[in-house]
Amino acid sequence: MTVQLQKDKDFVSELLGRSDYAIIGEIVEPGAKVLDLGCGEGELLHWLALKKSVDGRGVEISGPKVQRAIARGVSVFQCDMDEGLADYPDGTFDYVILSQTLQETRKPRQVLREMLRVGRRAIVAFPNFGHWRVRASMLRRGRAPRTKLFPYEWYDSPNIHFLTVDDFEDLAAREGVVIERRYFLSGPHKVTLLPNLFAEVAVYLVTSRAVQ
């Protein structure tokens, strides 16, 4: 095995070590048109292109991350997703992905609407603020929680909306969003019991009623 092939193997292994990425990799169909919002350095899109032959695009606000994504061979557009996706016509993509970024947006409801406008389906993953460790941290310390999922001080945190599994389900109902699949994760393990209490990360595959 060449050095480059070994690096690719190690990289893919590291990527799949992130549980929400592994679930997203299962959901996305080969050859799909994919838009990844808040794509960072393009790791997920790069993997999907290698393994699923997707036609991928990314949106990222950080200039340095955009540059690194482009260097990786990923097509990325620099913009703030809160400003909307007006450049994309309705139904441009098969999947629009928002992985662990919803809580960082200023207008999460508008972002979800735009995702379902430009995409036939949306995949939304987020850390669950209702997890028991977060609750215990607040109860024990009486301060903004600091846990593995939320390691920041309140004044340094990129998170501005702290949502739970139940909160997202409520938003989906209010917006008339159809939940096609739900995945609840604790580390690499799927959670089936009381996900609002025991899930660290939630992953949803959703669509609008118009697609049904």
Protein backbone atom coordinates (compact mmCIF):
# COMPACT_ATOMS: atom_id res chain seq x y z
CA MET A 1 0.00 0.00 0.00
CA THR A 2 1.38 3.41 -0.95
CA VAL A 3 1.84 6.18 1.60
CA GLN A 4 -1.01 8.20 0.03
CA LEU A 5 -3.40 5.25 0.09
CA GLN A 6 -2.55 4.66 3.73
CA LYS A 7 -3.24 8.34 4.49
CA ASP A 8 -6.60 8.10 2.71
CA LYS A 9 -7.44 4.95 4.68
CA ASP A 10 -6.53 6.62 7.97
CA PHE A 11 -8.49 9.75 7.04
CA VAL A 12 -11.65 7.83 6.18
CA SER A 13 -11.36 5.83 9.40
CA GLU A 14 -11.09 9.05 11.40
CA LEU A 15 -14.05 10.58 9.61
CA LEU A 16 -16.27 7.60 10.24
CA GLY A 17 -15.28 7.77 13.88
CA ARG A 18 -17.67 10.73 14.15
CA SER A 19 -21.03 9.11 14.72
CA ASP A 20 -23.22 11.65 12.93
CA TYR A 21 -21.00 11.47 9.83
CA ALA A 22 -21.31 7.70 9.82
CA ILE A 23 -25.12 7.95 9.87
CA ILE A 24 -25.11 10.60 7.14
CA GLY A 25 -22.88 8.34 5.07
CA GLU A 26 -25.50 5.60 5.40
CA ILE A 27 -28.39 7.87 4.40
CA VAL A 28 -26.97 9.60 1.31
CA GLU A 29 -27.52 7.61 -1.86
CA PRO A 30 -24.78 7.10 -4.47
CA GLY A 31 -24.66 9.76 -7.16
CA ALA A 32 -26.87 12.19 -5.24
CA LYS A 33 -26.61 15.96 -5.51
CA VAL A 34 -25.59 17.18 -2.06
CA LEU A 35 -25.25 20.59 -0.40
CA ASP A 36 -23.40 20.66 2.94
CA LEU A 37 -24.07 23.79 5.01
CA GLY A 38 -21.31 24.77 7.41
CA CYS A 39 -19.09 22.22 5.68
CA GLY A 40 -15.91 23.27 7.49
CA GLU A 41 -12.86 21.98 5.65
CA GLY A 42 -14.95 19.72 3.44
CA GLU A 43 -14.17 16.40 5.16
CA LEU A 44 -17.65 14.95 4.81
CA LEU A 45 -18.12 16.08 1.19
CA HIS A 46 -14.71 14.68 0.31
CA TRP A 47 -15.63 11.30 1.79
CA LEU A 48 -19.03 11.27 0.09
CA ALA A 49 -17.41 12.04 -3.25
CA LEU A 50 -14.88 9.23 -2.78
CA LYS A 51 -17.27 6.59 -1.52
CA LYS A 52 -20.68 7.60 -2.92
CA SER A 53 -19.69 9.54 -6.08
CA VAL A 54 -21.93 12.42 -5.03
CA ASP A 55 -22.08 15.75 -6.83
CA GLY A 56 -21.28 17.85 -3.78
CA ARG A 57 -21.26 21.55 -2.95
CA GLY A 58 -20.45 23.24 0.33
CA VAL A 59 -21.27 26.48 2.11
CA GLU A 60 -18.88 27.79 4.77
CA ILE A 61 -18.42 31.21 6.36
CA SER A 62 -14.76 30.82 7.41
CA GLY A 63 -12.31 31.90 4.71
CA PRO A 64 -9.42 29.69 5.88
CA LYS A 65 -11.70 26.64 6.04
CA VAL A 66 -12.99 27.38 2.55
CA GLN A 67 -9.42 27.47 1.28
CA ARG A 68 -8.58 24.15 2.90
CA ALA A 69 -11.75 22.58 1.51
CA ILE A 70 -10.90 23.78 -2.00
CA ALA A 71 -7.38 22.41 -1.60
CA ARG A 72 -9.01 19.07 -0.78
CA GLY A 73 -10.87 19.23 -4.10
CA VAL A 74 -14.26 20.20 -2.69
CA SER A 75 -16.41 22.88 -4.33
CA VAL A 76 -17.24 25.39 -1.58
CA PHE A 77 -18.99 28.76 -1.63
CA GLN A 78 -18.15 31.25 1.13
CA CYS A 79 -21.23 32.82 2.66
CA ASP A 80 -23.32 33.03 5.82
CA MET A 81 -26.14 30.46 5.66
CA ASP A 82 -28.26 32.75 7.85
CA GLU A 83 -28.40 35.16 4.91
CA GLY A 84 -30.27 32.53 2.93
CA LEU A 85 -29.62 30.34 -0.06
CA ALA A 86 -31.23 32.61 -2.64
CA ASP A 87 -28.64 31.73 -5.30
CA TYR A 88 -30.00 28.17 -5.45
CA PRO A 89 -33.30 27.45 -7.24
CA ASP A 90 -35.96 25.28 -5.64
CA GLY A 91 -35.20 21.55 -5.57
CA THR A 92 -31.59 21.88 -6.77
CA PHE A 93 -30.26 19.14 -4.46
CA ASP A 94 -31.29 15.66 -3.39
CA TYR A 95 -29.94 16.22 0.13
CA VAL A 96 -29.04 19.33 2.09
CA ILE A 97 -26.91 18.55 5.14
CA LEU A 98 -26.57 20.58 8.32
CA SER A 99 -24.39 18.67 10.75
CA GLN A 100 -23.97 20.02 14.30
CA THR A 101 -24.39 23.61 13.12
CA LEU A 102 -28.11 24.34 13.61
CA GLN A 103 -27.47 25.53 17.17
CA GLU A 104 -24.94 28.07 15.83
CA THR A 105 -27.33 29.76 13.39
CA ARG A 106 -29.15 32.98 14.23
CA LYS A 107 -32.34 31.98 12.42
CA PRO A 108 -32.66 28.18 12.70
CA ARG A 109 -36.27 28.06 11.54
CA GLN A 110 -35.47 30.08 8.41
CA VAL A 111 -32.42 27.91 7.72
CA LEU A 112 -34.55 24.76 7.95
CA ARG A 113 -37.10 26.26 5.56
CA GLU A 114 -34.40 27.15 3.05
CA MET A 115 -32.88 23.68 3.31
CA LEU A 116 -36.22 22.14 2.36
CA ARG A 117 -36.72 24.65 -0.43
CA VAL A 118 -33.46 23.96 -2.24
CA GLY A 119 -33.32 20.26 -1.33
CA ARG A 120 -35.73 17.37 -1.72
CA ARG A 121 -34.62 16.15 1.70
CA ALA A 122 -32.62 17.57 4.58
CA ILE A 123 -30.34 15.83 7.05
CA VAL A 124 -30.06 17.69 10.34
CA ALA A 125 -27.71 16.60 13.13
CA PHE A 126 -27.28 18.43 16.41
CA PRO A 127 -25.97 17.91 19.95
CA ASN A 128 -28.82 17.27 22.38
CA PHE A 129 -28.89 19.87 25.14
CA GLY A 130 -31.35 17.67 27.02
CA HIS A 131 -28.75 14.94 27.66
CA TRP A 132 -28.54 13.92 31.29
CA ARG A 133 -24.93 15.06 31.67
CA VAL A 134 -25.88 18.57 30.58
CA ARG A 135 -28.79 18.59 33.02
CA ALA A 136 -26.56 17.28 35.81
CA SER A 137 -23.90 19.92 35.08
CA MET A 138 -26.43 22.72 35.38
CA LEU A 139 -27.92 21.26 38.56
CA ARG A 140 -24.55 20.62 40.19
CA ARG A 141 -22.76 23.84 39.20
CA GLY A 142 -25.68 26.23 38.86
CA ARG A 143 -23.92 27.70 35.86
CA ALA A 144 -23.94 27.35 32.08
CA PRO A 145 -23.05 23.69 31.49
CA ARG A 146 -19.63 22.52 30.39
CA THR A 147 -19.51 18.95 29.15
CA LYS A 148 -17.81 16.95 26.40
CA LEU A 149 -20.52 18.07 23.97
CA PHE A 150 -20.54 21.66 25.24
CA PRO A 151 -16.94 22.34 26.29
CA TYR A 152 -17.00 26.15 25.95
CA GLU A 153 -17.40 28.90 28.48
CA TRP A 154 -20.68 30.68 27.83
CA TYR A 155 -18.89 33.78 26.51
CA ASP A 156 -16.76 31.79 24.03
CA SER A 157 -19.38 29.36 22.79
CA PRO A 158 -20.41 29.35 19.12
CA ASN A 159 -23.74 27.87 20.23
CA ILE A 160 -26.53 30.45 20.49
CA HIS A 161 -29.59 28.16 20.47
CA PHE A 162 -29.53 25.23 22.88
CA LEU A 163 -32.09 22.76 21.55
CA THR A 164 -33.14 19.29 22.63
CA VAL A 165 -34.59 16.31 20.79
CA ASP A 166 -38.07 17.33 21.95
CA ASP A 167 -37.50 20.92 20.82
CA PHE A 168 -36.61 19.82 17.28
CA GLU A 169 -39.60 17.49 17.10
CA ASP A 170 -41.83 20.38 18.16
CA LEU A 171 -40.32 22.68 15.51
CA ALA A 172 -40.82 20.03 12.82
CA ALA A 173 -44.48 19.71 13.81
CA ARG A 174 -45.00 23.47 13.78
CA GLU A 175 -43.36 23.78 10.34
CA GLY A 176 -45.22 20.85 8.83
CA VAL A 177 -41.94 19.03 8.29
CA VAL A 178 -42.15 15.27 7.77
CA ILE A 179 -39.61 13.23 9.76
CA GLU A 180 -38.68 10.22 7.65
CA ARG A 181 -35.99 8.79 9.91
CA ARG A 182 -34.58 9.44 13.35
CA TYR A 183 -31.22 8.33 14.75
CA PHE A 184 -30.21 8.92 18.36
CA LEU A 185 -26.59 8.39 19.32
CA SER A 186 -24.43 8.16 22.41
CA GLY A 187 -20.86 7.96 21.18
CA PRO A 188 -20.87 5.22 18.51
CA HIS A 189 -23.98 3.55 19.96
CA LYS A 190 -27.61 4.04 18.92
CA VAL A 191 -30.04 5.06 21.64
CA THR A 192 -33.56 3.62 21.65
CA LEU A 193 -34.75 4.47 25.17
CA LEU A 194 -35.69 8.02 26.23
CA PRO A 195 -33.58 9.79 23.57
CA ASN A 196 -34.25 13.26 24.98
CA LEU A 197 -32.46 12.13 28.14
CA PHE A 198 -29.84 9.67 26.87
CA ALA A 199 -28.92 10.76 23.32
CA GLU A 200 -25.83 12.90 22.94
CA VAL A 201 -26.43 13.57 19.23
CA ALA A 202 -29.59 13.38 17.13
CA VAL A 203 -29.71 12.91 13.36
CA TYR A 204 -32.91 13.50 11.40
CA LEU A 205 -33.84 12.88 7.78
CA VAL A 206 -36.69 15.25 6.97
CA THR A 207 -38.68 16.48 4.01
CA SER A 208 -41.50 18.89 3.34
CA ARG A 209 -45.06 17.68 2.91
CA ALA A 210 -44.95 18.75 -0.74
CA VAL A 211 -42.43 15.97 -1.50
CA GLN A 212 -44.66 13.24 -0.09
